[in-house]
């Protein structure tokens, strides 16, 4: 098992079997990369406010 902190969703989705998304120190996503929706990814990375 390897635990890695990545901020690149493309790399994480390609190489990981499990993603854990944190926001304000709380887990907001824990699952398989294919389960991470575009909307949740935007919320995690605060993309809607850019």
C-alpha atoms as a PDB file:
ATOM      1  CA  UNK A   1       0.000   0.000   0.000  1.00  0.00           C
ATOM      2  CA  UNK A   2       1.147   3.516  -0.810  1.00  0.00           C
ATOM      3  CA  UNK A   3      -0.399   6.702   0.540  1.00  0.00           C
ATOM      4  CA  UNK A   4       0.262   9.760  -1.581  1.00  0.00           C
ATOM      5  CA  UNK A   5      -0.970  13.349  -1.470  1.00  0.00           C
ATOM      6  CA  UNK A   6      -1.730  14.464  -5.025  1.00  0.00           C
ATOM      7  CA  UNK A   7      -3.385  17.583  -6.373  1.00  0.00           C
ATOM      8  CA  UNK A   8      -3.596  16.270  -9.931  1.00  0.00           C
ATOM      9  CA  UNK A   9      -6.859  14.437 -10.527  1.00  0.00           C
ATOM     10  CA  UNK A  10      -5.635  13.086 -13.853  1.00  0.00           C
ATOM     11  CA  UNK A  11      -2.669  11.331 -12.231  1.00  0.00           C
ATOM     12  CA  UNK A  12      -4.705  10.181  -9.231  1.00  0.00           C
ATOM     13  CA  UNK A  13      -7.464   8.713 -11.414  1.00  0.00           C
ATOM     14  CA  UNK A  14      -4.937   6.900 -13.597  1.00  0.00           C
ATOM     15  CA  UNK A  15      -2.848   5.280 -10.864  1.00  0.00           C
ATOM     16  CA  UNK A  16      -5.036   4.990  -7.733  1.00  0.00           C
ATOM     17  CA  UNK A  17      -7.716   2.458  -6.790  1.00  0.00           C
ATOM     18  CA  UNK A  18      -9.060   4.701  -4.027  1.00  0.00           C
ATOM     19  CA  UNK A  19      -9.336   8.464  -3.629  1.00  0.00           C
ATOM     20  CA  UNK A  20     -10.009  10.361  -0.442  1.00  0.00           C
ATOM     21  CA  UNK A  21     -11.040  13.988  -0.886  1.00  0.00           C
ATOM     22  CA  UNK A  22     -10.704  16.434   1.979  1.00  0.00           C
ATOM     23  CA  UNK A  23     -12.273  19.845   2.427  1.00  0.00           C
ATOM     24  CA  UNK A  24     -11.612  21.952   5.510  1.00  0.00           C
ATOM     25  CA  UNK A  25     -10.058  18.907   7.170  1.00  0.00           C
ATOM     26  CA  UNK A  26     -13.142  16.712   6.635  1.00  0.00           C
ATOM     27  CA  UNK A  27     -13.532  13.745   4.312  1.00  0.00           C
ATOM     28  CA  UNK A  28     -16.025  14.626   1.580  1.00  0.00           C
ATOM     29  CA  UNK A  29     -15.181  11.788  -0.809  1.00  0.00           C
ATOM     30  CA  UNK A  30     -13.857   8.281  -0.213  1.00  0.00           C
ATOM     31  CA  UNK A  31     -14.146   5.844  -3.063  1.00  0.00           C
ATOM     32  CA  UNK A  32     -13.053   4.551  -6.433  1.00  0.00           C
ATOM     33  CA  UNK A  33     -11.845   7.205  -8.886  1.00  0.00           C
ATOM     34  CA  UNK A  34     -14.659   6.351 -11.313  1.00  0.00           C
ATOM     35  CA  UNK A  35     -17.176   7.394  -8.631  1.00  0.00           C
ATOM     36  CA  UNK A  36     -15.805  10.936  -8.356  1.00  0.00           C
ATOM     37  CA  UNK A  37     -18.178  13.170 -10.277  1.00  0.00           C
ATOM     38  CA  UNK A  38     -17.117  16.330 -12.067  1.00  0.00           C
ATOM     39  CA  UNK A  39     -19.334  18.369  -9.732  1.00  0.00           C
ATOM     40  CA  UNK A  40     -17.738  16.946  -6.591  1.00  0.00           C
ATOM     41  CA  UNK A  41     -14.242  17.408  -8.015  1.00  0.00           C
ATOM     42  CA  UNK A  42     -15.067  21.066  -8.749  1.00  0.00           C
ATOM     43  CA  UNK A  43     -16.332  21.488  -5.189  1.00  0.00           C
ATOM     44  CA  UNK A  44     -13.230  19.846  -3.713  1.00  0.00           C
ATOM     45  CA  UNK A  45     -10.871  22.055  -5.685  1.00  0.00           C
ATOM     46  CA  UNK A  46     -13.106  25.147  -5.439  1.00  0.00           C
ATOM     47  CA  UNK A  47     -13.035  25.462  -9.221  1.00  0.00           C
ATOM     48  CA  UNK A  48     -16.398  27.201  -9.472  1.00  0.00           C
ATOM     49  CA  UNK A  49     -14.981  30.310  -7.770  1.00  0.00           C
ATOM     50  CA  UNK A  50     -12.069  30.786 -10.199  1.00  0.00           C
END
